[in-house]
Amino acid sequence: MKTTVDISDELLKKAKRLAAKRRTTLRAIIEQGIRNTIKEQQRGAKYVLPDMSIDGKGLQAEFKNKAWSDIRDAAYEGRGS
């Protein structure tokens, strides 16, 4: 089936370069992108936040049973508005 789609000039250039590099067609690149998007949607792919924690011993004693708003206020204390 033929259809017309508006694609940004820069994206189209990148897609054409990728097609040339892979020795395939622009059509194949576009179809694969659509397939991947549909497959991802069907899987219910969810973003997994990378673990960026650092070594430490948790909260300081003064914040152990405090509400998040109290911890946030202390973190931003003295920074002015």
C-alpha atoms as a PDB file:
ATOM      1  CA  MET A   1       0.000   0.000   0.000  1.00  0.00           C
ATOM      2  CA  LYS A   2       1.271   3.451  -0.800  1.00  0.00           C
ATOM      3  CA  THR A   3       0.957   6.366   1.573  1.00  0.00           C
ATOM      4  CA  THR A   4       2.471   9.792   2.055  1.00  0.00           C
ATOM      5  CA  VAL A   5       4.152  10.750   5.306  1.00  0.00           C
ATOM      6  CA  ASP A   6       5.835  14.024   6.252  1.00  0.00           C
ATOM      7  CA  ILE A   7       9.232  13.348   7.830  1.00  0.00           C
ATOM      8  CA  SER A   8      11.685  15.989   8.963  1.00  0.00           C
ATOM      9  CA  ASP A   9      14.523  16.571   6.522  1.00  0.00           C
ATOM     10  CA  GLU A  10      17.177  15.623   9.088  1.00  0.00           C
ATOM     11  CA  LEU A  11      15.440  12.363  10.048  1.00  0.00           C
ATOM     12  CA  LEU A  12      15.001  11.432   6.404  1.00  0.00           C
ATOM     13  CA  LYS A  13      18.697  12.061   5.701  1.00  0.00           C
ATOM     14  CA  LYS A  14      19.685   9.859   8.651  1.00  0.00           C
ATOM     15  CA  ALA A  15      17.312   7.102   7.550  1.00  0.00           C
ATOM     16  CA  LYS A  16      18.692   7.198   3.997  1.00  0.00           C
ATOM     17  CA  ARG A  17      22.274   7.023   5.294  1.00  0.00           C
ATOM     18  CA  LEU A  18      21.348   4.063   7.490  1.00  0.00           C
ATOM     19  CA  ALA A  19      19.690   2.309   4.561  1.00  0.00           C
ATOM     20  CA  ALA A  20      22.786   2.821   2.416  1.00  0.00           C
ATOM     21  CA  LYS A  21      25.066   1.599   5.205  1.00  0.00           C
ATOM     22  CA  ARG A  22      22.958  -1.546   5.638  1.00  0.00           C
ATOM     23  CA  ARG A  23      22.584  -1.961   1.882  1.00  0.00           C
ATOM     24  CA  THR A  24      18.835  -1.980   2.123  1.00  0.00           C
ATOM     25  CA  THR A  25      15.976   0.292   1.146  1.00  0.00           C
ATOM     26  CA  LEU A  26      14.462   3.271   2.881  1.00  0.00           C
ATOM     27  CA  ARG A  27      11.200   1.333   2.840  1.00  0.00           C
ATOM     28  CA  ALA A  28      12.798  -1.515   4.803  1.00  0.00           C
ATOM     29  CA  ILE A  29      14.179   0.917   7.403  1.00  0.00           C
ATOM     30  CA  ILE A  30      10.778   2.590   7.849  1.00  0.00           C
ATOM     31  CA  GLU A  31       8.923  -0.741   8.055  1.00  0.00           C
ATOM     32  CA  GLN A  32      11.385  -2.075  10.636  1.00  0.00           C
ATOM     33  CA  GLY A  33      10.920   1.067  12.724  1.00  0.00           C
ATOM     34  CA  ILE A  34       7.149   0.634  12.666  1.00  0.00           C
ATOM     35  CA  ARG A  35       7.446  -3.078  13.520  1.00  0.00           C
ATOM     36  CA  ASN A  36       9.748  -2.333  16.455  1.00  0.00           C
ATOM     37  CA  THR A  37       7.410   0.361  17.777  1.00  0.00           C
ATOM     38  CA  ILE A  38       4.380  -1.955  17.578  1.00  0.00           C
ATOM     39  CA  LYS A  39       6.285  -4.829  19.201  1.00  0.00           C
ATOM     40  CA  GLU A  40       7.472  -2.559  22.017  1.00  0.00           C
ATOM     41  CA  GLN A  41       3.914  -1.334  22.599  1.00  0.00           C
ATOM     42  CA  GLN A  42       2.549  -4.890  22.687  1.00  0.00           C
ATOM     43  CA  ARG A  43       5.190  -5.996  25.181  1.00  0.00           C
ATOM     44  CA  GLY A  44       4.242  -3.106  27.403  1.00  0.00           C
ATOM     45  CA  ALA A  45       7.873  -2.113  27.532  1.00  0.00           C
ATOM     46  CA  LYS A  46       8.527  -0.012  30.583  1.00  0.00           C
ATOM     47  CA  TYR A  47      11.442   2.238  31.280  1.00  0.00           C
ATOM     48  CA  VAL A  48      13.691   0.835  33.974  1.00  0.00           C
ATOM     49  CA  LEU A  49      15.376   3.519  35.996  1.00  0.00           C
ATOM     50  CA  PRO A  50      19.085   2.696  36.225  1.00  0.00           C
ATOM     51  CA  ASP A  51      20.449   2.179  39.721  1.00  0.00           C
ATOM     52  CA  MET A  52      22.427   5.334  40.412  1.00  0.00           C
ATOM     53  CA  SER A  53      22.706   4.816  44.142  1.00  0.00           C
ATOM     54  CA  ILE A  54      25.979   5.482  45.905  1.00  0.00           C
ATOM     55  CA  ASP A  55      27.592   3.834  48.863  1.00  0.00           C
ATOM     56  CA  GLY A  56      26.458   5.168  52.181  1.00  0.00           C
ATOM     57  CA  LYS A  57      24.565   4.364  55.320  1.00  0.00           C
ATOM     58  CA  GLY A  58      21.210   5.838  54.411  1.00  0.00           C
ATOM     59  CA  LEU A  59      19.653   8.865  55.989  1.00  0.00           C
ATOM     60  CA  GLN A  60      21.318  10.783  58.740  1.00  0.00           C
ATOM     61  CA  ALA A  61      19.760  10.132  62.152  1.00  0.00           C
ATOM     62  CA  GLU A  62      18.009  13.523  62.253  1.00  0.00           C
ATOM     63  CA  PHE A  63      16.012  12.612  59.115  1.00  0.00           C
ATOM     64  CA  LYS A  64      15.255   8.961  59.886  1.00  0.00           C
ATOM     65  CA  ASN A  65      11.530   9.396  60.612  1.00  0.00           C
ATOM     66  CA  LYS A  66      10.950  12.699  58.823  1.00  0.00           C
ATOM     67  CA  ALA A  67       8.554  13.349  55.960  1.00  0.00           C
ATOM     68  CA  TRP A  68       9.996  13.830  52.480  1.00  0.00           C
ATOM     69  CA  SER A  69       8.935  17.481  52.548  1.00  0.00           C
ATOM     70  CA  ASP A  70      11.122  18.051  55.635  1.00  0.00           C
ATOM     71  CA  ILE A  71      14.107  16.369  53.960  1.00  0.00           C
ATOM     72  CA  ARG A  72      13.582  18.395  50.761  1.00  0.00           C
ATOM     73  CA  ASP A  73      13.291  21.652  52.713  1.00  0.00           C
ATOM     74  CA  ALA A  74      16.548  20.912  54.522  1.00  0.00           C
ATOM     75  CA  ALA A  75      18.292  20.087  51.236  1.00  0.00           C
ATOM     76  CA  TYR A  76      17.291  23.429  49.724  1.00  0.00           C
ATOM     77  CA  GLU A  77      17.722  25.486  52.887  1.00  0.00           C
ATOM     78  CA  GLY A  78      19.545  28.756  52.296  1.00  0.00           C
ATOM     79  CA  ARG A  79      19.340  28.631  48.483  1.00  0.00           C
ATOM     80  CA  GLY A  80      16.910  31.524  48.205  1.00  0.00           C
ATOM     81  CA  SER A  81      13.942  31.650  45.861  1.00  0.00           C
END
